[in-house]
Amino acid sequence: MSKIVKAVNAMVSNPDKITNSIKGYNETECFFKYDGKHHWSILRIGNDDYILNYYPGQPDLNSLASIPDEHWDEHAPISVVYRTKDLATKEAKDSFRELFSIVNEKLHGMDDVLDEIIGSDIPF
């Protein structure tokens, strides 16, 4: 298993460390921080391919998220790119899909919604 898939699995196993989820300019892209210091974005391409970008340093995720696709190449910072298409394993696709789902849920505040629903379940 590649190191990036292990890292993605660690993120999936620790969703509470995923914060600052921000909707990107692209409809299926989300930017986020992991463990308060690692800056990422994840983008879904079609139904089953994902691109995960790591941004070294401390970039402003709000600024990155607002860059239109047509200007991305001109303004985006240096990043390390991981594509499920290149990794070409079922585990990579499954792991990236799960991470995308978690980040997207955080974008929409689903942790709070689900906690509220679970908390309202009165046992008989």
C-alpha atoms as a PDB file:
ATOM      1  CA  MET A   1       0.000   0.000   0.000  1.00  0.00           C
ATOM      2  CA  SER A   2       1.353   3.412  -0.915  1.00  0.00           C
ATOM      3  CA  LYS A   3       2.207   5.973   1.744  1.00  0.00           C
ATOM      4  CA  ILE A   4      -0.480   8.402   0.507  1.00  0.00           C
ATOM      5  CA  VAL A   5      -3.200   5.753   0.854  1.00  0.00           C
ATOM      6  CA  LYS A   6      -1.999   5.080   4.417  1.00  0.00           C
ATOM      7  CA  ALA A   7      -2.141   8.832   5.125  1.00  0.00           C
ATOM      8  CA  VAL A   8      -5.644   9.116   3.648  1.00  0.00           C
ATOM      9  CA  ASN A   9      -6.743   6.153   5.757  1.00  0.00           C
ATOM     10  CA  ALA A  10      -5.334   7.915   8.841  1.00  0.00           C
ATOM     11  CA  MET A  11      -7.363  11.033   7.969  1.00  0.00           C
ATOM     12  CA  VAL A  12     -10.490   8.927   7.476  1.00  0.00           C
ATOM     13  CA  SER A  13      -9.876   7.247  10.849  1.00  0.00           C
ATOM     14  CA  ASN A  14      -9.524  10.640  12.574  1.00  0.00           C
ATOM     15  CA  PRO A  15     -12.280  12.805  11.082  1.00  0.00           C
ATOM     16  CA  ASP A  16     -12.250  15.112  14.116  1.00  0.00           C
ATOM     17  CA  LYS A  17      -8.848  16.379  12.896  1.00  0.00           C
ATOM     18  CA  ILE A  18     -10.398  17.537   9.603  1.00  0.00           C
ATOM     19  CA  THR A  19     -11.319  21.210   9.950  1.00  0.00           C
ATOM     20  CA  ASN A  20     -11.870  24.390   7.953  1.00  0.00           C
ATOM     21  CA  SER A  21     -13.694  22.641   5.122  1.00  0.00           C
ATOM     22  CA  ILE A  22     -14.317  25.217   2.380  1.00  0.00           C
ATOM     23  CA  LYS A  23     -16.159  24.841  -0.907  1.00  0.00           C
ATOM     24  CA  GLY A  24     -13.874  25.384  -3.880  1.00  0.00           C
ATOM     25  CA  TYR A  25     -14.703  27.282  -7.037  1.00  0.00           C
ATOM     26  CA  ASN A  26     -15.116  23.919  -8.749  1.00  0.00           C
ATOM     27  CA  GLU A  27     -18.418  22.379  -7.680  1.00  0.00           C
ATOM     28  CA  THR A  28     -16.862  19.103  -6.520  1.00  0.00           C
ATOM     29  CA  GLU A  29     -13.773  20.469  -4.782  1.00  0.00           C
ATOM     30  CA  CYS A  30     -13.330  21.019  -1.057  1.00  0.00           C
ATOM     31  CA  PHE A  31     -10.349  22.553   0.702  1.00  0.00           C
ATOM     32  CA  PHE A  32      -9.557  21.556   4.280  1.00  0.00           C
ATOM     33  CA  LYS A  33      -6.970  21.404   7.030  1.00  0.00           C
ATOM     34  CA  TYR A  34      -5.859  18.264   8.734  1.00  0.00           C
ATOM     35  CA  ASP A  35      -4.574  18.397  12.299  1.00  0.00           C
ATOM     36  CA  GLY A  36      -4.631  22.201  12.184  1.00  0.00           C
ATOM     37  CA  LYS A  37      -1.542  22.423  10.006  1.00  0.00           C
ATOM     38  CA  HIS A  38      -1.736  20.386   6.808  1.00  0.00           C
ATOM     39  CA  HIS A  39      -3.577  22.108   3.930  1.00  0.00           C
ATOM     40  CA  TRP A  40      -5.348  19.958   1.360  1.00  0.00           C
ATOM     41  CA  SER A  41      -8.023  19.940  -1.291  1.00  0.00           C
ATOM     42  CA  ILE A  42      -9.918  17.005  -2.707  1.00  0.00           C
ATOM     43  CA  LEU A  43     -11.719  17.073  -6.031  1.00  0.00           C
ATOM     44  CA  ARG A  44     -14.078  14.466  -7.474  1.00  0.00           C
ATOM     45  CA  ILE A  45     -13.813  13.939 -11.223  1.00  0.00           C
ATOM     46  CA  GLY A  46     -16.821  12.133 -12.674  1.00  0.00           C
ATOM     47  CA  ASN A  47     -18.195   9.402 -10.460  1.00  0.00           C
ATOM     48  CA  ASP A  48     -15.113   7.469  -9.459  1.00  0.00           C
ATOM     49  CA  ASP A  49     -11.879   9.466  -9.790  1.00  0.00           C
ATOM     50  CA  TYR A  50     -10.405  11.812  -7.211  1.00  0.00           C
ATOM     51  CA  ILE A  51      -7.550  14.282  -7.074  1.00  0.00           C
ATOM     52  CA  LEU A  52      -6.005  15.082  -3.712  1.00  0.00           C
ATOM     53  CA  ASN A  53      -3.696  18.113  -3.483  1.00  0.00           C
ATOM     54  CA  TYR A  54      -1.340  18.908  -0.629  1.00  0.00           C
ATOM     55  CA  TYR A  55      -0.292  22.564  -0.240  1.00  0.00           C
ATOM     56  CA  PRO A  56       2.996  23.035   1.654  1.00  0.00           C
ATOM     57  CA  GLY A  57       3.367  26.032   3.919  1.00  0.00           C
ATOM     58  CA  GLN A  58       0.419  27.977   5.238  1.00  0.00           C
ATOM     59  CA  PRO A  59      -1.670  29.010   2.212  1.00  0.00           C
ATOM     60  CA  ASP A  60      -4.951  30.842   2.714  1.00  0.00           C
ATOM     61  CA  LEU A  61      -7.566  28.197   1.894  1.00  0.00           C
ATOM     62  CA  ASN A  62     -10.273  30.825   1.320  1.00  0.00           C
ATOM     63  CA  SER A  63      -8.130  32.460  -1.359  1.00  0.00           C
ATOM     64  CA  LEU A  64      -7.349  29.127  -2.987  1.00  0.00           C
ATOM     65  CA  ALA A  65     -11.000  28.131  -2.958  1.00  0.00           C
ATOM     66  CA  SER A  66     -11.965  31.306  -4.810  1.00  0.00           C
ATOM     67  CA  ILE A  67      -9.598  30.851  -7.771  1.00  0.00           C
ATOM     68  CA  PRO A  68     -11.670  30.140 -10.907  1.00  0.00           C
ATOM     69  CA  ASP A  69     -10.705  27.022 -12.840  1.00  0.00           C
ATOM     70  CA  GLU A  70      -9.625  29.053 -15.861  1.00  0.00           C
ATOM     71  CA  HIS A  71      -7.093  30.968 -13.714  1.00  0.00           C
ATOM     72  CA  TRP A  72      -5.912  28.098 -11.526  1.00  0.00           C
ATOM     73  CA  ASP A  73      -2.638  27.523 -13.398  1.00  0.00           C
ATOM     74  CA  GLU A  74      -1.706  31.214 -13.067  1.00  0.00           C
ATOM     75  CA  HIS A  75      -2.485  31.673  -9.362  1.00  0.00           C
ATOM     76  CA  ALA A  76      -2.336  28.367  -7.545  1.00  0.00           C
ATOM     77  CA  PRO A  77       0.595  27.673  -5.227  1.00  0.00           C
ATOM     78  CA  ILE A  78       2.912  24.739  -5.600  1.00  0.00           C
ATOM     79  CA  SER A  79       1.212  21.525  -4.587  1.00  0.00           C
ATOM     80  CA  VAL A  80       1.784  17.805  -4.491  1.00  0.00           C
ATOM     81  CA  VAL A  81      -0.889  16.016  -6.496  1.00  0.00           C
ATOM     82  CA  TYR A  82      -2.238  12.495  -5.988  1.00  0.00           C
ATOM     83  CA  ARG A  83      -4.710  11.001  -8.469  1.00  0.00           C
ATOM     84  CA  THR A  84      -6.656   7.791  -7.995  1.00  0.00           C
ATOM     85  CA  LYS A  85      -6.272   7.314 -11.742  1.00  0.00           C
ATOM     86  CA  ASP A  86      -2.482   7.139 -11.269  1.00  0.00           C
ATOM     87  CA  LEU A  87      -2.604   5.057  -8.092  1.00  0.00           C
ATOM     88  CA  ALA A  88      -4.902   2.618  -9.894  1.00  0.00           C
ATOM     89  CA  THR A  89      -5.944   0.471  -6.933  1.00  0.00           C
ATOM     90  CA  LYS A  90      -9.377  -0.234  -5.541  1.00  0.00           C
ATOM     91  CA  GLU A  91      -8.165   0.637  -2.047  1.00  0.00           C
ATOM     92  CA  ALA A  92      -6.965   4.072  -3.207  1.00  0.00           C
ATOM     93  CA  LYS A  93     -10.331   4.818  -4.808  1.00  0.00           C
ATOM     94  CA  ASP A  94     -12.251   3.598  -1.758  1.00  0.00           C
ATOM     95  CA  SER A  95     -10.060   5.603   0.631  1.00  0.00           C
ATOM     96  CA  PHE A  96     -10.203   8.808  -1.425  1.00  0.00           C
ATOM     97  CA  ARG A  97     -13.985   8.392  -1.833  1.00  0.00           C
ATOM     98  CA  GLU A  98     -14.425   8.075   1.939  1.00  0.00           C
ATOM     99  CA  LEU A  99     -12.222  11.117   2.586  1.00  0.00           C
ATOM    100  CA  PHE A 100     -14.203  13.142   0.033  1.00  0.00           C
ATOM    101  CA  SER A 101     -17.427  12.145   1.774  1.00  0.00           C
ATOM    102  CA  ILE A 102     -16.140  13.152   5.218  1.00  0.00           C
ATOM    103  CA  VAL A 103     -14.801  16.515   4.014  1.00  0.00           C
ATOM    104  CA  ASN A 104     -18.042  17.229   2.143  1.00  0.00           C
ATOM    105  CA  GLU A 105     -20.119  16.358   5.236  1.00  0.00           C
ATOM    106  CA  LYS A 106     -17.996  18.737   7.306  1.00  0.00           C
ATOM    107  CA  LEU A 107     -18.515  21.439   4.681  1.00  0.00           C
ATOM    108  CA  HIS A 108     -22.260  21.208   5.288  1.00  0.00           C
ATOM    109  CA  GLY A 109     -22.037  20.928   9.091  1.00  0.00           C
ATOM    110  CA  MET A 110     -23.298  17.364   9.182  1.00  0.00           C
ATOM    111  CA  ASP A 111     -21.379  16.533  12.395  1.00  0.00           C
ATOM    112  CA  ASP A 112     -23.578  18.958  14.336  1.00  0.00           C
ATOM    113  CA  VAL A 113     -26.764  17.882  12.543  1.00  0.00           C
ATOM    114  CA  LEU A 114     -26.137  14.189  13.179  1.00  0.00           C
ATOM    115  CA  ASP A 115     -25.101  14.798  16.801  1.00  0.00           C
ATOM    116  CA  GLU A 116     -28.339  16.739  17.332  1.00  0.00           C
ATOM    117  CA  ILE A 117     -30.416  13.948  15.797  1.00  0.00           C
ATOM    118  CA  ILE A 118     -28.635  11.260  17.798  1.00  0.00           C
ATOM    119  CA  GLY A 119     -29.014  13.342  20.979  1.00  0.00           C
ATOM    120  CA  SER A 120     -32.743  13.664  20.429  1.00  0.00           C
ATOM    121  CA  ASP A 121     -33.244   9.898  20.325  1.00  0.00           C
ATOM    122  CA  ILE A 122     -35.051   9.182  23.577  1.00  0.00           C
ATOM    123  CA  PRO A 123     -34.654   5.546  24.646  1.00  0.00           C
ATOM    124  CA  PHE A 124     -37.830   3.738  25.633  1.00  0.00           C
END
